[in-house]
Protein backbone atom coordinates (compact mmCIF):
# COMPACT_ATOMS: atom_id res chain seq x y z
CA UNK A 1 144.12 127.61 131.11
CA UNK A 2 144.98 130.45 128.72
CA UNK A 3 146.10 129.83 125.17
CA UNK A 4 149.19 132.02 124.83
CA UNK A 5 148.72 132.30 121.05
CA UNK A 6 145.13 133.59 121.20
CA UNK A 7 144.68 134.81 124.76
CA UNK A 8 141.49 132.73 125.01
CA UNK A 9 140.67 130.22 127.74
CA UNK A 10 141.15 126.63 126.62
CA UNK A 11 138.23 124.41 127.67
CA UNK A 12 138.99 121.11 125.93
CA UNK A 13 142.32 119.63 124.85
CA UNK A 14 142.53 116.28 123.07
CA UNK A 15 145.91 114.94 122.05
CA UNK A 16 146.73 111.81 120.07
CA UNK A 17 143.21 110.36 120.48
CA UNK A 18 143.09 106.72 119.42
CA UNK A 19 139.84 104.75 119.52
CA UNK A 20 139.46 101.10 118.59
CA UNK A 21 136.39 99.18 117.47
CA UNK A 22 135.79 95.47 117.92
CA UNK A 23 134.60 93.05 115.25
CA UNK A 24 134.63 89.29 115.87
CA UNK A 25 136.92 89.72 118.91
CA UNK A 26 139.44 91.66 116.80
CA UNK A 27 140.22 95.27 117.68
CA UNK A 28 141.13 97.79 114.97
CA UNK A 29 141.71 101.53 115.03
CA UNK A 30 138.78 103.69 113.92
CA UNK A 31 140.16 107.02 115.20
CA UNK A 32 143.88 107.48 114.62
CA UNK A 33 145.72 110.11 116.61
CA UNK A 34 143.35 113.08 116.34
CA UNK A 35 144.11 116.37 118.15
CA UNK A 36 141.55 119.00 119.19
CA UNK A 37 141.93 122.32 121.00
CA UNK A 38 138.64 124.04 121.83
CA UNK A 39 138.39 127.43 123.51
CA UNK A 40 135.58 128.67 125.71
CA UNK A 41 132.76 130.07 123.57
CA UNK A 42 134.21 128.58 120.37
CA UNK A 43 132.40 126.29 117.92
CA UNK A 44 134.40 123.60 116.11
CA UNK A 45 132.78 121.95 113.10
CA UNK A 46 133.62 118.29 112.43
CA UNK A 47 132.81 117.15 108.90
CA UNK A 48 133.50 114.09 106.80
CA UNK A 49 131.68 111.19 105.23
CA UNK A 50 130.05 108.29 107.05
CA UNK A 51 132.66 106.30 109.00
CA UNK A 52 135.05 109.25 109.36
CA UNK A 53 134.82 109.05 113.16
CA UNK A 54 132.95 112.33 113.77
CA UNK A 55 130.40 111.01 116.29
CA UNK A 56 132.97 108.73 117.94
CA UNK A 57 135.24 111.73 118.57
CA UNK A 58 132.31 113.80 119.80
CA UNK A 59 131.42 111.14 122.38
CA UNK A 60 135.08 110.80 123.38
CA UNK A 61 135.06 114.52 124.26
CA UNK A 62 132.72 113.43 127.09
CA UNK A 63 135.09 110.63 128.10
CA UNK A 64 132.66 108.12 126.62
CA UNK A 65 132.99 105.27 124.12
CA UNK A 66 129.92 103.41 122.83
CA UNK A 67 129.59 99.63 123.11
CA UNK A 68 132.12 97.83 120.94
CA UNK A 69 134.59 100.72 121.13
CA UNK A 70 137.36 101.67 123.52
CA UNK A 71 139.59 104.72 123.95
CA UNK A 72 143.02 103.14 123.67
CA UNK A 73 145.37 106.10 123.48
CA UNK A 74 145.81 109.81 123.90
CA UNK A 75 144.65 112.37 126.47
CA UNK A 76 141.29 114.13 126.97
CA UNK A 77 141.49 117.18 129.22
CA UNK A 78 138.28 119.08 130.02
CA UNK A 79 138.86 122.27 131.98
CA UNK A 80 141.81 120.70 133.83
CA UNK A 81 140.08 117.35 134.40
CA UNK A 82 141.68 114.27 132.84
CA UNK A 83 138.58 112.42 131.58
CA UNK A 84 140.47 109.20 130.90
CA UNK A 85 141.76 109.07 134.48
CA UNK A 86 138.51 110.30 136.08
CA UNK A 87 136.27 107.83 137.89
CA UNK A 88 132.84 106.89 136.56
CA UNK A 89 131.21 109.05 139.23
CA UNK A 90 133.36 112.04 138.31
CA UNK A 91 132.47 111.69 134.63
CA UNK A 92 128.79 111.18 135.46
CA UNK A 93 128.81 114.42 137.48
CA UNK A 94 130.04 116.30 134.42
CA UNK A 95 127.67 114.79 131.83
CA UNK A 96 124.43 116.66 131.52
CA UNK A 97 125.61 119.46 133.78
CA UNK A 98 128.86 120.76 132.26
CA UNK A 99 128.99 118.65 129.09
CA UNK A 100 125.80 117.93 127.13
CA UNK A 101 125.06 115.90 124.03
CA UNK A 102 122.42 116.38 121.32
CA UNK A 103 121.97 113.13 119.42
CA UNK A 104 121.16 112.82 115.73
CA UNK A 105 118.09 110.62 116.21
CA UNK A 106 115.81 112.13 118.83
CA UNK A 107 113.21 109.41 118.21
CA UNK A 108 115.69 106.74 119.29
CA UNK A 109 117.06 108.79 122.20
CA UNK A 110 113.99 109.85 124.17
CA UNK A 111 112.38 107.44 126.64
CA UNK A 112 108.96 106.70 125.10
CA UNK A 113 107.40 106.06 128.52
CA UNK A 114 108.02 109.56 129.94
CA UNK A 115 106.72 112.98 128.99
CA UNK A 116 109.07 115.53 127.43
CA UNK A 117 108.86 117.77 130.49
CA UNK A 118 109.94 114.98 132.86
CA UNK A 119 112.93 114.23 130.68
CA UNK A 120 113.86 117.92 130.43
CA UNK A 121 113.74 118.42 134.19
CA UNK A 122 115.73 115.30 135.11
CA UNK A 123 119.25 116.72 134.59
CA UNK A 124 118.87 120.17 136.21
CA UNK A 125 117.04 118.71 139.21
CA UNK A 126 119.43 115.79 139.75
CA UNK A 127 122.49 118.03 139.38
CA UNK A 128 121.01 120.61 141.79
CA UNK A 129 120.96 123.38 139.20
CA UNK A 130 117.24 124.18 139.62
CA UNK A 131 114.15 123.08 141.48
CA UNK A 132 111.48 121.17 139.56
CA UNK A 133 109.28 124.29 139.31
CA UNK A 134 112.20 126.38 138.04
CA UNK A 135 113.12 123.70 135.52
CA UNK A 136 109.55 123.58 134.17
CA UNK A 137 109.49 127.35 133.70
CA UNK A 138 112.91 127.20 132.04
CA UNK A 139 111.71 124.43 129.72
CA UNK A 140 108.77 126.52 128.52
CA UNK A 141 111.11 129.44 127.81
CA UNK A 142 113.55 127.30 125.82
CA UNK A 143 110.68 125.56 123.97
CA UNK A 144 109.50 129.03 122.97
CA UNK A 145 112.98 130.00 121.78
CA UNK A 146 113.12 126.78 119.78
CA UNK A 147 109.88 127.79 118.02
CA UNK A 148 108.00 124.75 119.31
CA UNK A 149 104.20 124.99 118.99
CA UNK A 150 102.24 125.56 122.20
CA UNK A 151 105.39 125.87 124.36
CA UNK A 152 103.29 125.99 127.54
CA UNK A 153 101.69 122.63 126.70
CA UNK A 154 104.06 120.61 124.52
CA UNK A 155 106.26 119.48 127.41
CA UNK A 156 103.42 117.38 128.75
CA UNK A 157 103.22 115.24 125.61
CA UNK A 158 104.95 111.91 125.11
CA UNK A 159 107.67 111.63 122.42
CA UNK A 160 105.36 109.79 120.00
CA UNK A 161 102.85 112.66 120.17
CA UNK A 162 105.11 115.21 118.42
CA UNK A 163 106.74 115.28 115.00
CA UNK A 164 110.34 114.27 114.39
CA UNK A 165 111.39 117.87 113.87
CA UNK A 166 109.67 118.98 117.06
CA UNK A 167 111.33 116.15 118.97
CA UNK A 168 114.76 117.20 117.73
CA UNK A 169 114.16 120.75 118.93
CA UNK A 170 112.97 119.45 122.31
CA UNK A 171 116.22 117.48 122.62
CA UNK A 172 118.29 120.57 121.81
CA UNK A 173 116.43 122.49 124.53
CA UNK A 174 116.97 119.62 126.96
CA UNK A 175 120.75 119.65 126.36
CA UNK A 176 120.80 123.34 127.24
CA UNK A 177 118.84 122.89 130.48
CA UNK A 178 121.92 123.08 132.76
CA UNK A 179 123.63 125.75 130.62
CA UNK A 180 126.66 123.49 130.05
CA UNK A 181 130.17 124.68 129.24
CA UNK A 182 130.40 122.29 126.26
CA UNK A 183 127.69 120.88 124.00
CA UNK A 184 128.26 118.13 121.44
CA UNK A 185 125.79 118.71 118.59
CA UNK A 186 125.60 115.50 116.55
CA UNK A 187 123.65 116.42 113.39
CA UNK A 188 121.06 118.40 115.42
CA UNK A 189 119.12 119.70 112.40
CA UNK A 190 119.08 116.51 110.32
CA UNK A 191 115.34 115.93 110.89
CA UNK A 192 114.31 119.57 110.45
CA UNK A 193 112.76 121.31 107.47
CA UNK A 194 114.60 124.36 106.15
CA UNK A 195 112.35 126.96 107.77
CA UNK A 196 112.52 125.30 111.19
CA UNK A 197 116.26 124.75 110.76
CA UNK A 198 116.76 128.51 110.46
CA UNK A 199 115.04 129.11 113.79
CA UNK A 200 116.94 126.31 115.55
CA UNK A 201 120.33 127.37 114.17
CA UNK A 202 119.59 130.93 115.24
CA UNK A 203 118.57 129.79 118.73
CA UNK A 204 121.69 127.64 119.08
CA UNK A 205 123.93 130.50 118.02
CA UNK A 206 122.22 132.92 120.41
CA UNK A 207 122.45 130.60 123.41
CA UNK A 208 126.07 129.63 122.66
CA UNK A 209 126.96 133.32 122.46
CA UNK A 210 124.88 134.34 125.49
CA UNK A 211 126.36 131.74 127.82
CA UNK A 212 129.84 131.63 126.25
CA UNK A 213 129.30 127.93 125.59
CA UNK A 214 131.80 125.93 123.56
CA UNK A 215 130.47 123.43 121.04
CA UNK A 216 131.55 120.63 118.75
CA UNK A 217 129.17 120.73 115.80
CA UNK A 218 129.08 117.44 113.87
CA UNK A 219 127.35 117.58 110.51
CA UNK A 220 127.43 116.43 106.92
CA UNK A 221 125.78 119.66 105.74
CA UNK A 222 128.57 121.99 104.67
CA UNK A 223 126.29 124.99 104.29
CA UNK A 224 125.06 124.55 107.87
CA UNK A 225 128.54 124.19 109.36
CA UNK A 226 129.50 127.37 107.52
CA UNK A 227 126.91 129.27 109.60
CA UNK A 228 127.77 127.67 112.94
CA UNK A 229 131.50 127.00 113.21
CA UNK A 230 134.43 129.28 113.96
CA UNK A 231 136.80 126.55 112.75
CA UNK A 232 136.31 123.39 110.68
CA UNK A 233 138.17 120.09 110.98
CA UNK A 234 137.82 117.64 108.08
CA UNK A 235 138.08 113.91 108.84
CA UNK A 236 138.48 110.82 106.68
CA UNK A 237 138.54 107.24 108.01
CA UNK A 238 139.49 108.36 111.51
CA UNK A 239 142.28 110.70 110.50
CA UNK A 240 142.46 114.48 110.25
CA UNK A 241 142.64 115.75 106.67
CA UNK A 242 142.95 119.44 107.43
CA UNK A 243 141.76 122.17 109.79
CA UNK A 244 141.35 125.92 109.37
CA UNK A 245 139.12 128.80 110.33
CA UNK A 246 135.78 128.60 108.53
CA UNK A 247 136.31 131.37 105.99
CA UNK A 248 139.72 130.04 104.98
CA UNK A 249 138.39 126.47 104.72
CA UNK A 250 135.49 127.51 102.50
CA UNK A 251 137.54 129.79 100.27
CA UNK A 252 140.79 127.83 99.88
CA UNK A 253 140.66 124.18 101.01
CA UNK A 254 144.11 122.62 100.60
CA UNK A 255 143.41 118.90 100.25
CA UNK A 256 141.77 117.14 97.31
CA UNK A 257 139.39 115.27 99.63
CA UNK A 258 138.09 118.53 101.10
CA UNK A 259 137.64 119.93 97.61
CA UNK A 260 135.59 116.84 96.69
CA UNK A 261 133.26 117.49 99.64
CA UNK A 262 132.78 121.06 98.45
CA UNK A 263 131.97 119.89 94.91
CA UNK A 264 129.53 117.07 95.80
CA UNK A 265 125.75 117.32 95.30
CA UNK A 266 126.15 118.53 91.74
CA UNK A 267 124.19 115.46 90.64
CA UNK A 268 120.91 116.12 88.83
CA UNK A 269 118.98 113.42 86.98
CA UNK A 270 117.49 114.35 83.62
CA UNK A 271 113.88 115.47 83.99
CA UNK A 272 111.51 112.95 82.43
CA UNK A 273 109.19 114.19 79.65
CA UNK A 274 105.79 115.40 80.91
CA UNK A 275 102.91 112.95 80.98
CA UNK A 276 99.68 114.24 79.47
CA UNK A 277 97.35 111.31 78.90
CA UNK A 278 98.55 108.22 80.80
CA UNK A 279 96.62 106.95 83.81
CA UNK A 280 98.55 107.87 86.97
CA UNK A 281 99.90 105.06 89.10
CA UNK A 282 98.63 106.93 92.17
CA UNK A 283 96.00 109.67 92.32
CA UNK A 284 95.07 111.48 95.52
CA UNK A 285 91.63 112.98 95.06
CA UNK A 286 90.09 115.52 97.44
CA UNK A 287 91.56 113.91 100.54
CA UNK A 288 90.78 115.33 103.96
CA UNK A 289 92.19 113.36 106.90
CA UNK A 290 93.40 113.80 110.44
CA UNK A 291 93.60 112.46 113.97
CA UNK A 292 90.74 112.79 116.44
CA UNK A 293 88.77 115.91 115.59
CA UNK A 294 91.73 117.71 113.98
CA UNK A 295 92.09 117.81 110.19
CA UNK A 296 95.75 117.49 109.15
CA UNK A 297 95.08 117.17 105.39
CA UNK A 298 92.54 119.51 103.80
CA UNK A 299 91.22 118.59 100.36
CA UNK A 300 94.56 117.72 98.75
CA UNK A 301 94.98 116.52 95.16
CA UNK A 302 98.00 115.29 93.20
CA UNK A 303 99.02 112.54 90.72
CA UNK A 304 102.12 110.38 90.41
CA UNK A 305 102.88 108.71 87.06
CA UNK A 306 105.09 105.78 86.13
CA UNK A 307 108.82 106.55 85.78
CA UNK A 308 108.35 109.91 87.50
CA UNK A 309 109.36 111.30 90.90
CA UNK A 310 107.03 113.69 92.69
CA UNK A 311 108.73 115.51 95.57
CA UNK A 312 106.38 116.51 98.39
CA UNK A 313 107.93 119.33 100.39
CA UNK A 314 106.89 121.49 103.31
CA UNK A 315 107.85 122.23 106.88
CA UNK A 316 107.28 119.93 109.83
CA UNK A 317 103.55 119.44 110.42
CA UNK A 318 102.54 120.36 106.86
CA UNK A 319 101.00 116.93 106.27
CA UNK A 320 103.63 115.20 104.10
CA UNK A 321 103.85 112.00 106.14
CA UNK A 322 100.11 112.04 106.84
CA UNK A 323 99.53 111.96 103.07
CA UNK A 324 101.80 108.91 102.87
CA UNK A 325 99.80 107.22 105.65
CA UNK A 326 96.57 107.78 103.71
CA UNK A 327 98.06 106.39 100.49
CA UNK A 328 99.33 103.25 102.27
CA UNK A 329 96.01 102.72 104.06
CA UNK A 330 97.36 103.35 107.55
CA UNK A 331 95.00 106.32 107.99
CA UNK A 332 91.44 106.41 106.68
CA UNK A 333 90.48 109.78 105.14
CA UNK A 334 87.32 111.58 106.22
CA UNK A 335 86.72 112.61 102.61
CA UNK A 336 88.21 111.81 99.23
CA UNK A 337 89.93 108.71 97.88
CA UNK A 338 93.17 107.25 96.59
CA UNK A 339 93.21 105.63 93.15
CA UNK A 340 95.77 103.08 91.96
CA UNK A 341 96.00 102.70 88.18
CA UNK A 342 92.66 104.49 88.00
CA UNK A 343 90.86 102.14 90.41
CA UNK A 344 89.82 103.19 93.95
CA UNK A 345 91.87 101.63 96.75
CA UNK A 346 90.15 100.53 99.98
CA UNK A 347 90.89 103.25 102.51
CA UNK A 348 91.99 100.76 105.21
CA UNK A 349 95.02 98.59 104.41
CA UNK A 350 93.34 95.65 106.15
CA UNK A 351 90.72 95.59 103.39
CA UNK A 352 93.27 95.70 100.58
CA UNK A 353 94.24 92.58 98.68
CA UNK A 354 97.73 91.18 99.01
CA UNK A 355 98.49 92.39 95.49
CA UNK A 356 97.30 95.91 96.32
CA UNK A 357 99.54 95.93 99.39
CA UNK A 358 102.46 94.63 97.33
CA UNK A 359 102.25 97.41 94.77
CA UNK A 360 102.98 100.26 97.24
CA UNK A 361 106.07 100.04 99.45
CA UNK A 362 107.98 102.46 101.70
CA UNK A 363 111.62 103.33 102.38
CA UNK A 364 111.90 104.98 105.78
CA UNK A 365 113.90 107.97 106.99
CA UNK A 366 115.74 106.32 109.87
CA UNK A 367 117.12 102.98 108.73
CA UNK A 368 118.46 102.49 112.28
CA UNK A 369 114.93 102.17 113.66
CA UNK A 370 113.30 100.69 110.52
CA UNK A 371 115.41 97.51 110.40
CA UNK A 372 114.90 94.82 113.03
CA UNK A 373 118.31 94.65 114.75
CA UNK A 374 117.91 90.93 115.49
CA UNK A 375 117.35 89.81 111.90
CA UNK A 376 120.10 89.13 109.40
CA UNK A 377 119.95 90.72 105.97
CA UNK A 378 118.75 87.53 104.28
CA UNK A 379 115.67 87.60 106.56
CA UNK A 380 115.06 91.35 106.26
CA UNK A 381 115.10 91.23 102.47
CA UNK A 382 113.58 87.78 102.15
CA UNK A 383 110.40 88.28 104.16
CA UNK A 384 108.60 90.54 101.62
CA UNK A 385 109.54 88.14 98.81
CA UNK A 386 108.09 85.26 100.82
CA UNK A 387 104.94 87.13 101.82
CA UNK A 388 104.03 88.76 98.51
CA UNK A 389 105.59 86.49 95.91
CA UNK A 390 105.49 83.13 97.71
CA UNK A 391 109.17 82.44 97.08
CA UNK A 392 110.82 79.59 99.00
CA UNK A 393 114.09 77.67 99.07
CA UNK A 394 116.49 78.18 96.21
CA UNK A 395 114.24 80.69 94.42
CA UNK A 396 114.10 82.83 97.55
CA UNK A 397 117.86 82.64 98.10
CA UNK A 398 118.52 83.66 94.50
CA UNK A 399 116.10 86.57 94.84
CA UNK A 400 117.83 87.84 97.99
CA UNK A 401 121.26 87.60 96.39
CA UNK A 402 119.97 89.32 93.27
CA UNK A 403 118.60 92.20 95.32
CA UNK A 404 121.92 92.61 97.14
CA UNK A 405 123.65 92.77 93.76
CA UNK A 406 121.07 95.31 92.64
CA UNK A 407 121.86 97.67 95.54
CA UNK A 408 125.59 97.18 94.97
CA UNK A 409 126.38 95.11 98.08
CA UNK A 410 128.39 91.90 97.56
CA UNK A 411 126.03 89.02 98.53
CA UNK A 412 128.69 86.71 100.00
CA UNK A 413 130.04 89.52 102.19
CA UNK A 414 126.70 90.91 103.43
CA UNK A 415 123.91 88.33 103.32
CA UNK A 416 124.44 87.07 106.89
CA UNK A 417 125.28 90.40 108.52
CA UNK A 418 123.15 92.11 111.14
CA UNK A 419 122.09 95.77 110.66
CA UNK A 420 124.56 96.79 113.40
CA UNK A 421 127.39 95.65 111.13
CA UNK A 422 126.46 98.15 108.40
CA UNK A 423 127.13 101.84 107.83
CA UNK A 424 124.24 104.30 107.60
CA UNK A 425 124.35 104.30 103.81
CA UNK A 426 124.43 100.51 103.65
CA UNK A 427 121.41 100.29 105.97
CA UNK A 428 119.50 102.63 103.69
CA UNK A 429 120.39 100.43 100.72
CA UNK A 430 118.93 97.45 102.61
CA UNK A 431 115.75 99.50 103.11
CA UNK A 432 115.63 100.00 99.34
CA UNK A 433 116.20 96.27 98.69
CA UNK A 434 113.44 95.36 101.13
CA UNK A 435 111.01 97.63 99.29
CA UNK A 436 112.03 96.21 95.91
CA UNK A 437 111.62 92.62 97.13
CA UNK A 438 107.85 92.94 96.76
CA UNK A 439 108.20 94.04 93.11
CA UNK A 440 106.08 97.19 93.57
CA UNK A 441 105.06 99.80 91.01
CA UNK A 442 105.14 102.65 93.53
CA UNK A 443 107.57 103.50 96.35
CA UNK A 444 107.27 106.20 98.99
CA UNK A 445 110.73 107.53 99.91
CA UNK A 446 110.36 109.25 103.29
CA UNK A 447 113.38 111.53 103.90
CA UNK A 448 115.66 108.69 102.79
CA UNK A 449 118.81 110.83 102.51
CA UNK A 450 118.34 113.27 105.39
CA UNK A 451 120.44 111.24 107.86
CA UNK A 452 123.27 110.57 105.38
CA UNK A 453 126.42 112.50 104.61
CA UNK A 454 126.49 114.19 101.24
CA UNK A 455 128.74 111.69 99.47
CA UNK A 456 126.60 108.73 100.61
CA UNK A 457 123.36 110.61 99.89
CA UNK A 458 124.47 111.26 96.34
CA UNK A 459 125.11 107.52 95.90
CA UNK A 460 121.61 106.70 97.20
CA UNK A 461 120.01 109.21 94.82
CA UNK A 462 121.90 107.74 91.87
CA UNK A 463 120.84 104.24 92.93
CA UNK A 464 117.18 105.25 93.17
CA UNK A 465 117.40 106.90 89.76
CA UNK A 466 118.89 103.76 88.18
CA UNK A 467 116.28 101.51 89.79
CA UNK A 468 113.46 103.78 88.65
CA UNK A 469 114.65 103.58 85.05
CA UNK A 470 115.20 99.82 85.22
CA UNK A 471 111.85 98.92 86.80
CA UNK A 472 109.70 101.88 85.61
CA UNK A 473 108.90 102.84 89.20
CA UNK A 474 106.87 105.79 90.42
CA UNK A 475 108.30 107.61 93.46
CA UNK A 476 106.73 109.88 96.04
CA UNK A 477 109.75 111.61 97.59
CA UNK A 478 108.98 113.21 100.95
CA UNK A 479 111.75 115.62 101.84
CA UNK A 480 112.63 118.95 103.42
CA UNK A 481 115.91 119.16 101.49
CA UNK A 482 115.41 121.35 98.43
CA UNK A 483 118.87 120.42 97.13
CA UNK A 484 117.60 116.83 96.94
CA UNK A 485 114.45 118.06 95.16
CA UNK A 486 116.61 119.76 92.54
CA UNK A 487 118.63 116.56 92.12
CA UNK A 488 115.90 113.97 91.66
CA UNK A 489 112.37 115.39 91.22
CA UNK A 490 110.30 115.68 88.06
CA UNK A 491 107.44 117.46 89.78
CA UNK A 492 107.06 119.27 93.10
CA UNK A 493 104.08 119.47 95.46
CA UNK A 494 104.42 122.18 98.13
CA UNK A 495 102.34 121.66 101.29
CA UNK A 496 101.58 124.05 104.13
CA UNK A 497 99.22 123.44 107.04
CA UNK A 498 97.69 120.42 105.32
CA UNK A 499 96.99 122.12 102.00
CA UNK A 500 98.71 121.97 98.61
CA UNK A 501 99.73 125.59 98.03
CA UNK A 502 101.59 125.06 94.76
CA UNK A 503 102.49 122.19 92.44
CA UNK A 504 103.99 121.71 89.01
CA UNK A 505 107.09 120.63 87.04
CA UNK A 506 110.35 121.12 88.92
CA UNK A 507 111.82 123.61 86.46
CA UNK A 508 108.77 125.84 86.80
CA UNK A 509 108.67 125.55 90.58
CA UNK A 510 112.20 126.89 90.99
CA UNK A 511 111.51 129.92 88.79
CA UNK A 512 109.66 133.01 90.06
CA UNK A 513 106.96 134.08 90.62
CA UNK A 514 106.31 131.80 93.61
CA UNK A 515 103.60 131.41 96.16
CA UNK A 516 104.81 133.35 99.26
CA UNK A 517 105.27 130.11 101.21
CA UNK A 518 107.32 128.53 98.39
CA UNK A 519 109.43 131.69 98.36
CA UNK A 520 109.97 131.29 102.12
CA UNK A 521 111.16 127.68 101.63
CA UNK A 522 113.53 128.62 98.82
CA UNK A 523 114.99 131.56 100.74
CA UNK A 524 115.64 129.30 103.74
CA UNK A 525 118.04 126.93 101.97
CA UNK A 526 121.50 127.53 103.53
CA UNK A 527 124.29 128.79 101.32
CA UNK A 528 128.04 128.18 101.52
CA UNK A 529 128.57 131.66 102.88
CA UNK A 530 129.42 132.23 106.58
CA UNK A 531 127.41 135.47 106.55
CA UNK A 532 124.27 133.97 104.98
CA UNK A 533 122.33 133.23 108.19
CA UNK A 534 123.15 136.60 109.75
CA UNK A 535 122.11 138.39 106.56
CA UNK A 536 118.88 136.38 106.21
CA UNK A 537 117.82 136.99 109.82
CA UNK A 538 118.49 140.73 109.46
CA UNK A 539 116.48 140.88 106.21
CA UNK A 540 113.55 139.16 107.90
CA UNK A 541 113.74 141.48 110.92
CA UNK A 542 113.74 144.48 108.59
CA UNK A 543 110.66 143.17 106.76
CA UNK A 544 108.87 142.51 110.04
CA UNK A 545 109.58 146.05 111.23
CA UNK A 546 108.58 147.67 107.91
């Protein structure tokens, strides 16, 4: 169908979309009368804070509602097909072939029992698009375009054998396997470092343009959506706030809520004074470690002092998480040692005392997979307090309630909830409370804001800052988000290929001259300019040709 106003072919039309969610047998509206018109080859950006309905609308564009939700009103027309009236078989024939979905959490979406190649080939073979041999060749080509290492080999690994960033790229390639007419990208670069993100965004743009594919691009990263979307729709609590073409939206947003999104992430904690003579809480000394015969870490050294945050940055595979595994005793180094308050720690956590285990805790990147879905919050928070502090009965109950107060969640309202009854930001707060329950001196924060929208992420950073001041905590902050580094770090350690290439106070690290790799990281941070990615890619092509 042609749009008479633009002359373009309309692929997707949604009118008056209403979606309800169920809680305790009561249904309430979570998406309230949203309209979407998407043309062939066009990219629509959906933005808004957690709970705005972005992912729910994206799934509805496939005629799908997740468990506990139902599409209760409106029309969804995909290329002349009424998805609400279509049978299950008709919708199933479209999904994967003509409409594809790239989920936010690849780790939770891949089948852990099957190799990446088998999962890639499933859709094109079942839909009759390609033979198995053709699909395998196509997978290798798309893996190469997604900048995956060893594209000829990586498809024969299991999901747990690749990094989170690599898995997200493999999922993006898999969604493109049938060359669909419409792709729903639900935060597809959340788990990626800035250098990898550039390559993936470039590949997505190229493939969308090459195959005239339409896309709904869901993200909380405004700088990213500026590079990808032709138009942007802003959502709040299931309702449309405003919509405009990308350049107009960035230059002159009309609504106060949109302006607040543009202004967020201005938070920056005061840098703590440098420490010159105190004994570090954690010292990593000459550590070399790896898996099998391969060294991932190569003679790394850094210190983390009380009341200070050391951000460890680097692209996927640089060794950030491996360093955390060595510090926590989950991976024994081949050489070197980890000191805690100046004393060597046993390299294997099983040989550490209960008090040594208590002193170092972790907050994980994906709260969805880090919290046991069958346990209520009182159990999730209470178990570390029982195990490490021996609390029972009334003392334990008071400790749990105190921790909920500390993370700014009302105890009476939340203590008996399951993780499924929380937003993403609330789940991350529970991860923080669980770490604090052991009363540690040192906490490893592993990409704790990467899956959160910018308003929620800012709240988490402020919470971590307040808790650090209150309890004199030392933080190791693993992140690929340099905006987060600028917000919260005192010192920065830059890692590449298992080595520390540069480290020092944050203010010095963001001032030239830089190590060439640090310069690459800094130049890869997206800007709120629709031409930024095009300009950056051209500059890099020019340098390569020079």
